Amino acid sequence: QVRLVETGGGSVQPGGSLRLSCAYSGSSSSMGWFRQIAGKGREGVAAIDTDGTTLYANAVKGRFTISQDKVLSSLILQMDSLKYEDTAMYYCAADLRGPRMIPIQLLHPKTDVTALSAAYWGQGTQVTISS
């Protein structure tokens, strides 16, 4: 049974930073962070595969960093230079899926992170950017 629990959300001013953590168990597959803006669908933000390869959505590239500590079973999303448009509910996910929900273990450099899905989800943590 895969379990994912996110912590670290909150409110911060534009230009600030937040660090999201996901404590997981039961997963040894590719993982990622997704977000859902109110009224829109959920989309991928950052992904990491079983080899440690990372990919990012263009909207966050250079500002967000995904990392994983397999010893502590923790997935981290470090978010810097936050913008108003980063306001969303953020979800930790495991067992990433591509089109037709085909499992992805290794990320291809041209993978569209925003189009990924996942088999397992956390409950989400709210991130709000406001002045």
N, C-alpha and C. Protein backbone atom coordinates (compact mmCIF):
# COMPACT_ATOMS: atom_id res chain seq x y z
N GLN A 1 0.85 -1.19 0.00
CA GLN A 1 0.00 0.00 0.00
C GLN A 1 0.89 1.24 0.00
N VAL A 2 0.66 2.12 -0.97
CA VAL A 2 1.42 3.35 -1.08
C VAL A 2 0.74 4.45 -0.26
N ARG A 3 1.54 5.14 0.54
CA ARG A 3 1.01 6.24 1.34
C ARG A 3 1.90 7.46 1.14
N LEU A 4 1.26 8.60 0.92
CA LEU A 4 1.98 9.84 0.65
C LEU A 4 1.38 10.94 1.53
N VAL A 5 2.23 11.64 2.27
CA VAL A 5 1.75 12.70 3.16
C VAL A 5 2.60 13.95 2.94
N GLU A 6 1.95 15.01 2.44
CA GLU A 6 2.65 16.26 2.17
C GLU A 6 2.61 17.19 3.37
N THR A 7 3.68 17.94 3.55
CA THR A 7 3.73 19.02 4.54
C THR A 7 4.51 20.18 3.94
N GLY A 8 4.35 21.35 4.55
CA GLY A 8 5.20 22.48 4.16
C GLY A 8 4.50 23.58 3.39
N GLY A 9 3.23 23.41 3.09
CA GLY A 9 2.54 24.48 2.38
C GLY A 9 2.33 25.69 3.29
N GLY A 10 1.84 26.76 2.70
CA GLY A 10 1.60 27.97 3.47
C GLY A 10 1.48 29.17 2.58
N SER A 11 1.60 30.34 3.19
CA SER A 11 1.48 31.59 2.46
C SER A 11 2.81 32.33 2.50
N VAL A 12 3.19 32.90 1.37
CA VAL A 12 4.46 33.61 1.27
C VAL A 12 4.31 34.74 0.27
N GLN A 13 5.13 35.75 0.41
CA GLN A 13 5.09 36.89 -0.51
C GLN A 13 5.78 36.54 -1.83
N PRO A 14 5.44 37.25 -2.89
CA PRO A 14 6.15 37.03 -4.16
C PRO A 14 7.65 37.20 -3.99
N GLY A 15 8.39 36.31 -4.64
CA GLY A 15 9.84 36.32 -4.51
C GLY A 15 10.35 35.46 -3.38
N GLY A 16 9.46 34.99 -2.53
CA GLY A 16 9.84 34.18 -1.39
C GLY A 16 10.05 32.71 -1.76
N SER A 17 10.29 31.90 -0.74
CA SER A 17 10.56 30.48 -0.92
C SER A 17 9.70 29.63 0.01
N LEU A 18 9.43 28.43 -0.44
CA LEU A 18 8.77 27.42 0.38
C LEU A 18 9.39 26.07 0.06
N ARG A 19 9.34 25.20 1.04
CA ARG A 19 9.88 23.85 0.86
C ARG A 19 8.78 22.86 1.21
N LEU A 20 8.36 22.09 0.22
CA LEU A 20 7.35 21.06 0.44
C LEU A 20 8.05 19.73 0.66
N SER A 21 7.52 18.96 1.59
CA SER A 21 8.04 17.63 1.86
C SER A 21 6.93 16.60 1.71
N CYS A 22 7.31 15.44 1.26
CA CYS A 22 6.36 14.33 1.13
C CYS A 22 6.99 13.10 1.76
N ALA A 23 6.38 12.65 2.85
CA ALA A 23 6.82 11.40 3.47
C ALA A 23 6.05 10.27 2.81
N TYR A 24 6.78 9.31 2.26
CA TYR A 24 6.09 8.24 1.54
C TYR A 24 6.50 6.87 2.04
N SER A 25 5.64 5.91 1.75
CA SER A 25 5.93 4.52 2.07
C SER A 25 5.29 3.65 1.00
N GLY A 26 5.87 2.50 0.77
CA GLY A 26 5.30 1.54 -0.17
C GLY A 26 5.58 1.84 -1.63
N SER A 27 6.45 2.85 -1.92
CA SER A 27 6.72 3.20 -3.31
C SER A 27 8.20 3.11 -3.61
N SER A 28 8.53 2.53 -4.78
CA SER A 28 9.91 2.52 -5.25
C SER A 28 9.96 2.92 -6.71
N SER A 29 8.95 3.64 -7.14
CA SER A 29 8.81 4.00 -8.56
C SER A 29 9.10 5.48 -8.76
N SER A 30 8.87 5.94 -9.98
CA SER A 30 9.04 7.36 -10.27
C SER A 30 8.05 8.18 -9.44
N MET A 31 8.46 9.40 -9.12
CA MET A 31 7.61 10.24 -8.28
C MET A 31 7.61 11.67 -8.81
N GLY A 32 6.67 12.44 -8.32
CA GLY A 32 6.60 13.81 -8.81
C GLY A 32 5.74 14.70 -7.94
N TRP A 33 5.75 15.97 -8.28
CA TRP A 33 4.89 16.97 -7.67
C TRP A 33 3.96 17.53 -8.74
N PHE A 34 2.72 17.65 -8.38
CA PHE A 34 1.70 18.20 -9.26
C PHE A 34 1.03 19.37 -8.55
N ARG A 35 0.34 20.18 -9.32
CA ARG A 35 -0.44 21.25 -8.70
C ARG A 35 -1.75 21.44 -9.44
N GLN A 36 -2.70 21.97 -8.68
CA GLN A 36 -4.01 22.24 -9.25
C GLN A 36 -4.44 23.63 -8.83
N ILE A 37 -4.56 24.49 -9.81
CA ILE A 37 -5.06 25.84 -9.58
C ILE A 37 -6.58 25.77 -9.58
N ALA A 38 -7.19 26.57 -8.74
CA ALA A 38 -8.64 26.54 -8.60
C ALA A 38 -9.31 26.70 -9.96
N GLY A 39 -10.21 25.76 -10.27
CA GLY A 39 -10.95 25.83 -11.52
C GLY A 39 -10.25 25.20 -12.70
N LYS A 40 -9.04 24.67 -12.48
CA LYS A 40 -8.29 24.06 -13.58
C LYS A 40 -7.93 22.62 -13.24
N GLY A 41 -7.43 21.91 -14.21
CA GLY A 41 -7.02 20.53 -13.99
C GLY A 41 -5.67 20.42 -13.31
N ARG A 42 -5.38 19.24 -12.80
CA ARG A 42 -4.11 19.01 -12.14
C ARG A 42 -3.02 18.79 -13.18
N GLU A 43 -1.86 19.39 -12.98
CA GLU A 43 -0.78 19.22 -13.95
C GLU A 43 0.56 19.00 -13.24
N GLY A 44 1.44 18.31 -13.93
CA GLY A 44 2.75 18.02 -13.36
C GLY A 44 3.62 19.25 -13.28
N VAL A 45 4.41 19.32 -12.23
CA VAL A 45 5.33 20.44 -12.00
C VAL A 45 6.78 19.96 -12.08
N ALA A 46 7.06 18.84 -11.42
CA ALA A 46 8.42 18.31 -11.40
C ALA A 46 8.34 16.81 -11.20
N ALA A 47 9.28 16.10 -11.81
CA ALA A 47 9.28 14.65 -11.72
C ALA A 47 10.70 14.14 -11.52
N ILE A 48 10.79 12.97 -10.88
CA ILE A 48 12.09 12.32 -10.68
C ILE A 48 11.89 10.83 -10.90
N ASP A 49 12.80 10.23 -11.66
CA ASP A 49 12.62 8.82 -11.97
C ASP A 49 13.51 7.95 -11.08
N THR A 50 13.48 6.66 -11.35
CA THR A 50 14.19 5.72 -10.48
C THR A 50 15.71 5.83 -10.60
N ASP A 51 16.20 6.48 -11.64
CA ASP A 51 17.64 6.73 -11.79
C ASP A 51 18.05 8.08 -11.22
N GLY A 52 17.07 8.85 -10.76
CA GLY A 52 17.38 10.18 -10.23
C GLY A 52 17.31 11.29 -11.25
N THR A 53 16.92 10.97 -12.48
CA THR A 53 16.75 12.00 -13.50
C THR A 53 15.55 12.88 -13.13
N THR A 54 15.72 14.19 -13.29
CA THR A 54 14.65 15.12 -12.96
C THR A 54 14.22 15.91 -14.18
N LEU A 55 12.95 16.24 -14.21
CA LEU A 55 12.40 17.08 -15.27
C LEU A 55 11.43 18.07 -14.65
N TYR A 56 11.27 19.22 -15.32
CA TYR A 56 10.41 20.27 -14.78
C TYR A 56 9.50 20.84 -15.85
N ALA A 57 8.37 21.33 -15.42
CA ALA A 57 7.52 22.10 -16.30
C ALA A 57 8.23 23.41 -16.61
N ASN A 58 8.02 23.92 -17.82
CA ASN A 58 8.69 25.17 -18.22
C ASN A 58 8.37 26.31 -17.26
N ALA A 59 7.17 26.32 -16.72
CA ALA A 59 6.75 27.43 -15.86
C ALA A 59 7.56 27.53 -14.57
N VAL A 60 8.20 26.43 -14.18
CA VAL A 60 8.92 26.44 -12.90
C VAL A 60 10.41 26.17 -13.06
N LYS A 61 10.84 25.90 -14.28
CA LYS A 61 12.24 25.56 -14.52
C LYS A 61 13.16 26.68 -14.05
N GLY A 62 14.19 26.32 -13.30
CA GLY A 62 15.12 27.31 -12.77
C GLY A 62 14.69 27.89 -11.43
N ARG A 63 13.45 27.63 -11.01
CA ARG A 63 12.96 28.15 -9.74
C ARG A 63 12.65 27.04 -8.74
N PHE A 64 12.20 25.90 -9.24
CA PHE A 64 11.84 24.78 -8.38
C PHE A 64 12.89 23.68 -8.52
N THR A 65 13.10 22.94 -7.43
CA THR A 65 14.03 21.81 -7.44
C THR A 65 13.39 20.63 -6.73
N ILE A 66 13.33 19.51 -7.43
CA ILE A 66 12.81 18.28 -6.83
C ILE A 66 13.99 17.41 -6.41
N SER A 67 13.86 16.79 -5.26
CA SER A 67 14.90 15.89 -4.80
C SER A 67 14.26 14.76 -3.98
N GLN A 68 15.00 13.70 -3.82
CA GLN A 68 14.47 12.53 -3.13
C GLN A 68 15.53 11.95 -2.21
N ASP A 69 15.14 11.62 -1.02
CA ASP A 69 16.01 10.92 -0.08
C ASP A 69 15.41 9.54 0.12
N LYS A 70 16.00 8.55 -0.54
CA LYS A 70 15.42 7.21 -0.49
C LYS A 70 15.62 6.55 0.87
N VAL A 71 16.64 6.98 1.61
CA VAL A 71 16.87 6.43 2.94
C VAL A 71 15.76 6.88 3.89
N LEU A 72 15.41 8.16 3.81
CA LEU A 72 14.37 8.71 4.67
C LEU A 72 12.98 8.60 4.05
N SER A 73 12.92 8.09 2.82
CA SER A 73 11.62 7.99 2.11
C SER A 73 10.94 9.35 2.07
N SER A 74 11.66 10.33 1.56
CA SER A 74 11.15 11.69 1.53
C SER A 74 11.35 12.30 0.14
N LEU A 75 10.32 12.96 -0.35
CA LEU A 75 10.37 13.68 -1.62
C LEU A 75 10.22 15.16 -1.31
N ILE A 76 11.13 15.95 -1.85
CA ILE A 76 11.17 17.38 -1.53
C ILE A 76 10.93 18.21 -2.78
N LEU A 77 10.22 19.31 -2.62
CA LEU A 77 10.12 20.32 -3.68
C LEU A 77 10.53 21.66 -3.07
N GLN A 78 11.70 22.13 -3.46
CA GLN A 78 12.17 23.44 -3.03
C GLN A 78 11.69 24.46 -4.05
N MET A 79 10.93 25.43 -3.59
CA MET A 79 10.34 26.42 -4.48
C MET A 79 10.90 27.80 -4.14
N ASP A 80 11.59 28.39 -5.07
CA ASP A 80 12.19 29.71 -4.90
C ASP A 80 11.61 30.70 -5.90
N SER A 81 11.82 31.97 -5.65
CA SER A 81 11.34 33.02 -6.54
C SER A 81 9.87 32.82 -6.89
N LEU A 82 9.08 32.59 -5.89
CA LEU A 82 7.67 32.28 -6.10
C LEU A 82 6.91 33.45 -6.69
N LYS A 83 5.93 33.11 -7.53
CA LYS A 83 5.12 34.10 -8.22
C LYS A 83 3.66 33.90 -7.84
N TYR A 84 2.85 34.93 -8.09
CA TYR A 84 1.41 34.82 -7.81
C TYR A 84 0.82 33.59 -8.48
N GLU A 85 1.26 33.31 -9.71
CA GLU A 85 0.68 32.22 -10.47
C GLU A 85 1.09 30.84 -9.96
N ASP A 86 1.96 30.78 -8.97
CA ASP A 86 2.30 29.50 -8.35
C ASP A 86 1.28 29.10 -7.28
N THR A 87 0.35 29.99 -7.00
CA THR A 87 -0.70 29.68 -6.02
C THR A 87 -1.51 28.49 -6.49
N ALA A 88 -1.58 27.44 -5.68
CA ALA A 88 -2.27 26.22 -6.07
C ALA A 88 -2.24 25.23 -4.91
N MET A 89 -3.00 24.17 -5.07
CA MET A 89 -2.88 23.01 -4.19
C MET A 89 -1.80 22.11 -4.81
N TYR A 90 -0.83 21.74 -4.01
CA TYR A 90 0.28 20.92 -4.50
C TYR A 90 0.14 19.49 -3.97
N TYR A 91 0.37 18.54 -4.87
CA TYR A 91 0.21 17.13 -4.55
C TYR A 91 1.50 16.37 -4.82
N CYS A 92 1.83 15.51 -3.90
CA CYS A 92 2.90 14.53 -4.09
C CYS A 92 2.29 13.31 -4.78
N ALA A 93 3.03 12.70 -5.68
CA ALA A 93 2.49 11.57 -6.42
C ALA A 93 3.56 10.52 -6.64
N ALA A 94 3.11 9.28 -6.75
CA ALA A 94 4.02 8.16 -6.98
C ALA A 94 3.51 7.29 -8.12
N ASP A 95 4.45 6.58 -8.76
CA ASP A 95 4.12 5.71 -9.89
C ASP A 95 3.55 6.55 -11.02
N LEU A 96 4.45 7.37 -11.61
CA LEU A 96 4.03 8.29 -12.66
C LEU A 96 3.55 7.53 -13.90
N ARG A 97 2.58 8.14 -14.57
CA ARG A 97 1.98 7.53 -15.75
C ARG A 97 2.01 8.52 -16.91
N GLY A 98 2.23 7.96 -18.09
CA GLY A 98 2.17 8.77 -19.29
C GLY A 98 0.82 8.60 -19.97
N PRO A 99 0.77 8.86 -21.29
CA PRO A 99 -0.48 8.68 -22.04
C PRO A 99 -1.04 7.27 -21.88
N ARG A 100 -2.34 7.19 -21.79
CA ARG A 100 -3.03 5.91 -21.60
C ARG A 100 -2.61 5.23 -20.29
N MET A 101 -2.12 6.03 -19.37
CA MET A 101 -1.75 5.57 -18.02
C MET A 101 -0.68 4.50 -18.05
N ILE A 102 0.21 4.57 -19.03
CA ILE A 102 1.33 3.63 -19.10
C ILE A 102 2.37 4.04 -18.04
N PRO A 103 2.82 3.11 -17.20
CA PRO A 103 3.80 3.45 -16.16
C PRO A 103 5.10 4.00 -16.72
N ILE A 104 5.66 4.97 -16.04
CA ILE A 104 6.95 5.55 -16.42
C ILE A 104 7.94 5.32 -15.30
N GLN A 105 8.99 4.58 -15.60
CA GLN A 105 10.06 4.37 -14.62
C GLN A 105 11.22 5.31 -14.90
N LEU A 106 11.52 5.51 -16.20
CA LEU A 106 12.62 6.38 -16.59
C LEU A 106 12.08 7.52 -17.44
N LEU A 107 12.47 8.75 -17.09
CA LEU A 107 12.00 9.92 -17.80
C LEU A 107 12.82 10.17 -19.06
N HIS A 108 12.13 10.41 -20.17
CA HIS A 108 12.79 10.82 -21.40
C HIS A 108 12.97 12.34 -21.35
N PRO A 109 14.10 12.87 -21.86
CA PRO A 109 14.31 14.32 -21.80
C PRO A 109 13.20 15.15 -22.42
N LYS A 110 12.46 14.57 -23.36
CA LYS A 110 11.40 15.33 -24.01
C LYS A 110 10.03 15.07 -23.40
N THR A 111 9.99 14.37 -22.29
CA THR A 111 8.72 14.13 -21.61
C THR A 111 8.08 15.45 -21.21
N ASP A 112 6.81 15.60 -21.51
CA ASP A 112 6.05 16.77 -21.09
C ASP A 112 5.55 16.53 -19.67
N VAL A 113 6.21 17.13 -18.72
CA VAL A 113 5.88 16.90 -17.32
C VAL A 113 4.45 17.31 -17.02
N THR A 114 3.98 18.36 -17.68
CA THR A 114 2.63 18.84 -17.40
C THR A 114 1.55 17.85 -17.82
N ALA A 115 1.90 16.92 -18.68
CA ALA A 115 0.91 15.95 -19.18
C ALA A 115 0.94 14.63 -18.42
N LEU A 116 1.82 14.50 -17.44
CA LEU A 116 1.90 13.27 -16.67
C LEU A 116 0.72 13.10 -15.73
N SER A 117 0.51 11.86 -15.35
CA SER A 117 -0.44 11.56 -14.29
C SER A 117 0.26 10.60 -13.33
N ALA A 118 -0.48 10.05 -12.40
CA ALA A 118 0.13 9.14 -11.43
C ALA A 118 -0.92 8.18 -10.90
N ALA A 119 -0.41 7.09 -10.34
CA ALA A 119 -1.32 6.09 -9.79
C ALA A 119 -1.69 6.38 -8.34
N TYR A 120 -0.80 7.09 -7.64
CA TYR A 120 -1.02 7.33 -6.21
C TYR A 120 -0.81 8.81 -5.91
N TRP A 121 -1.67 9.32 -5.03
CA TRP A 121 -1.66 10.74 -4.71
C TRP A 121 -1.69 10.98 -3.20
N GLY A 122 -1.05 12.07 -2.79
CA GLY A 122 -1.21 12.53 -1.43
C GLY A 122 -2.48 13.35 -1.32
N GLN A 123 -2.71 13.90 -0.12
CA GLN A 123 -3.94 14.65 0.11
C GLN A 123 -3.83 16.10 -0.33
N GLY A 124 -2.62 16.56 -0.58
CA GLY A 124 -2.41 17.92 -1.06
C GLY A 124 -2.07 18.89 0.05
N THR A 125 -1.34 19.94 -0.32
CA THR A 125 -1.02 21.01 0.61
C THR A 125 -1.12 22.34 -0.14
N GLN A 126 -1.76 23.32 0.48
CA GLN A 126 -2.04 24.58 -0.20
C GLN A 126 -0.82 25.50 -0.15
N VAL A 127 -0.50 26.09 -1.29
CA VAL A 127 0.54 27.11 -1.39
C VAL A 127 -0.11 28.37 -1.92
N THR A 128 0.05 29.46 -1.18
CA THR A 128 -0.56 30.73 -1.56
C THR A 128 0.51 31.80 -1.61
N ILE A 129 0.57 32.47 -2.74
CA ILE A 129 1.51 33.59 -2.90
C ILE A 129 0.70 34.87 -2.88
N SER A 130 0.95 35.69 -1.89
CA SER A 130 0.20 36.94 -1.80
C SER A 130 1.03 37.97 -1.07
N SER A 131 0.74 39.21 -1.36
CA SER A 131 1.45 40.30 -0.69
C SER A 131 0.59 40.88 0.42
